[in-house]
Amino acid sequence: MEWLSYLLFLICPLMMILCMKGMNGHKHNASHASKEIDVKMTKLEQENEQLRKEINALSILVKKES
């Protein structure tokens, strides 16, 4: 049974190396996803600015009616 603990001890670094290698293969997809997120973020910022303008216009309108 002593060999089992050594086996687990040796498998751990091997699995880490394989997992890290597998993560490096997905860099292309991550780059594409990053660009997609940037586009969505820009769109959301533009929508947010438009909504702020609408809120300000409505606030001015309410103040005038009061």
Protein backbone atom coordinates (compact mmCIF):
# COMPACT_ATOMS: atom_id res chain seq x y z
CA MET A 1 0.00 0.00 0.00
CA GLU A 2 2.95 2.31 0.44
CA TRP A 3 3.42 2.43 -3.33
CA LEU A 4 -0.10 3.84 -3.69
CA SER A 5 0.79 7.01 -1.80
CA TYR A 6 3.90 7.46 -3.97
CA LEU A 7 1.83 6.89 -7.09
CA LEU A 8 -0.66 9.58 -6.07
CA PHE A 9 2.20 11.91 -5.21
CA LEU A 10 3.73 11.45 -8.67
CA ILE A 11 0.44 11.65 -10.58
CA CYS A 12 -0.42 15.06 -9.15
CA PRO A 13 2.30 17.06 -11.00
CA LEU A 14 1.68 15.09 -14.17
CA MET A 15 -2.03 15.96 -14.08
CA MET A 16 -1.17 19.61 -13.44
CA ILE A 17 1.07 19.71 -16.52
CA LEU A 18 -1.59 18.08 -18.68
CA CYS A 19 -4.28 20.45 -17.43
CA MET A 20 -2.09 23.49 -18.10
CA LYS A 21 -1.32 22.25 -21.60
CA GLY A 22 -5.03 21.79 -22.24
CA MET A 23 -5.75 25.35 -21.12
CA ASN A 24 -3.20 26.77 -23.54
CA GLY A 25 -5.09 25.25 -26.46
CA HIS A 26 -8.09 27.48 -25.75
CA LYS A 27 -6.31 30.83 -26.07
CA HIS A 28 -7.73 31.42 -29.55
CA ASN A 29 -11.29 31.00 -28.28
CA ALA A 30 -10.58 33.22 -25.29
CA SER A 31 -9.33 35.97 -27.59
CA HIS A 32 -12.48 35.74 -29.68
CA ALA A 33 -14.64 35.78 -26.55
CA SER A 34 -12.75 38.81 -25.28
CA LYS A 35 -13.49 40.74 -28.47
CA GLU A 36 -17.14 39.73 -28.25
CA ILE A 37 -17.30 40.94 -24.65
CA ASP A 38 -15.70 44.25 -25.65
CA VAL A 39 -18.33 44.77 -28.36
CA LYS A 40 -21.14 43.99 -25.93
CA MET A 41 -19.63 46.28 -23.30
CA THR A 42 -19.41 49.16 -25.78
CA LYS A 43 -23.03 48.63 -26.77
CA LEU A 44 -24.12 48.58 -23.11
CA GLU A 45 -22.19 51.79 -22.42
CA GLN A 46 -23.93 53.50 -25.33
CA GLU A 47 -27.34 52.31 -24.14
CA ASN A 48 -26.51 53.47 -20.62
CA GLU A 49 -25.60 56.95 -21.88
CA GLN A 50 -28.85 57.14 -23.88
CA LEU A 51 -30.87 56.14 -20.82
CA ARG A 52 -29.11 58.79 -18.72
CA LYS A 53 -30.06 61.43 -21.26
CA GLU A 54 -33.68 60.25 -21.23
CA ILE A 55 -33.77 60.31 -17.42
CA ASN A 56 -32.36 63.84 -17.36
CA ALA A 57 -34.91 65.00 -19.93
CA LEU A 58 -37.75 63.45 -17.92
CA SER A 59 -36.43 64.99 -14.69
CA ILE A 60 -36.41 68.44 -16.28
CA LEU A 61 -39.94 67.88 -17.59
CA VAL A 62 -41.20 66.85 -14.12
CA LYS A 63 -39.54 69.89 -12.53
CA LYS A 64 -41.21 72.21 -15.02
CA GLU A 65 -44.63 70.69 -14.31
CA SER A 66 -44.20 71.07 -10.54
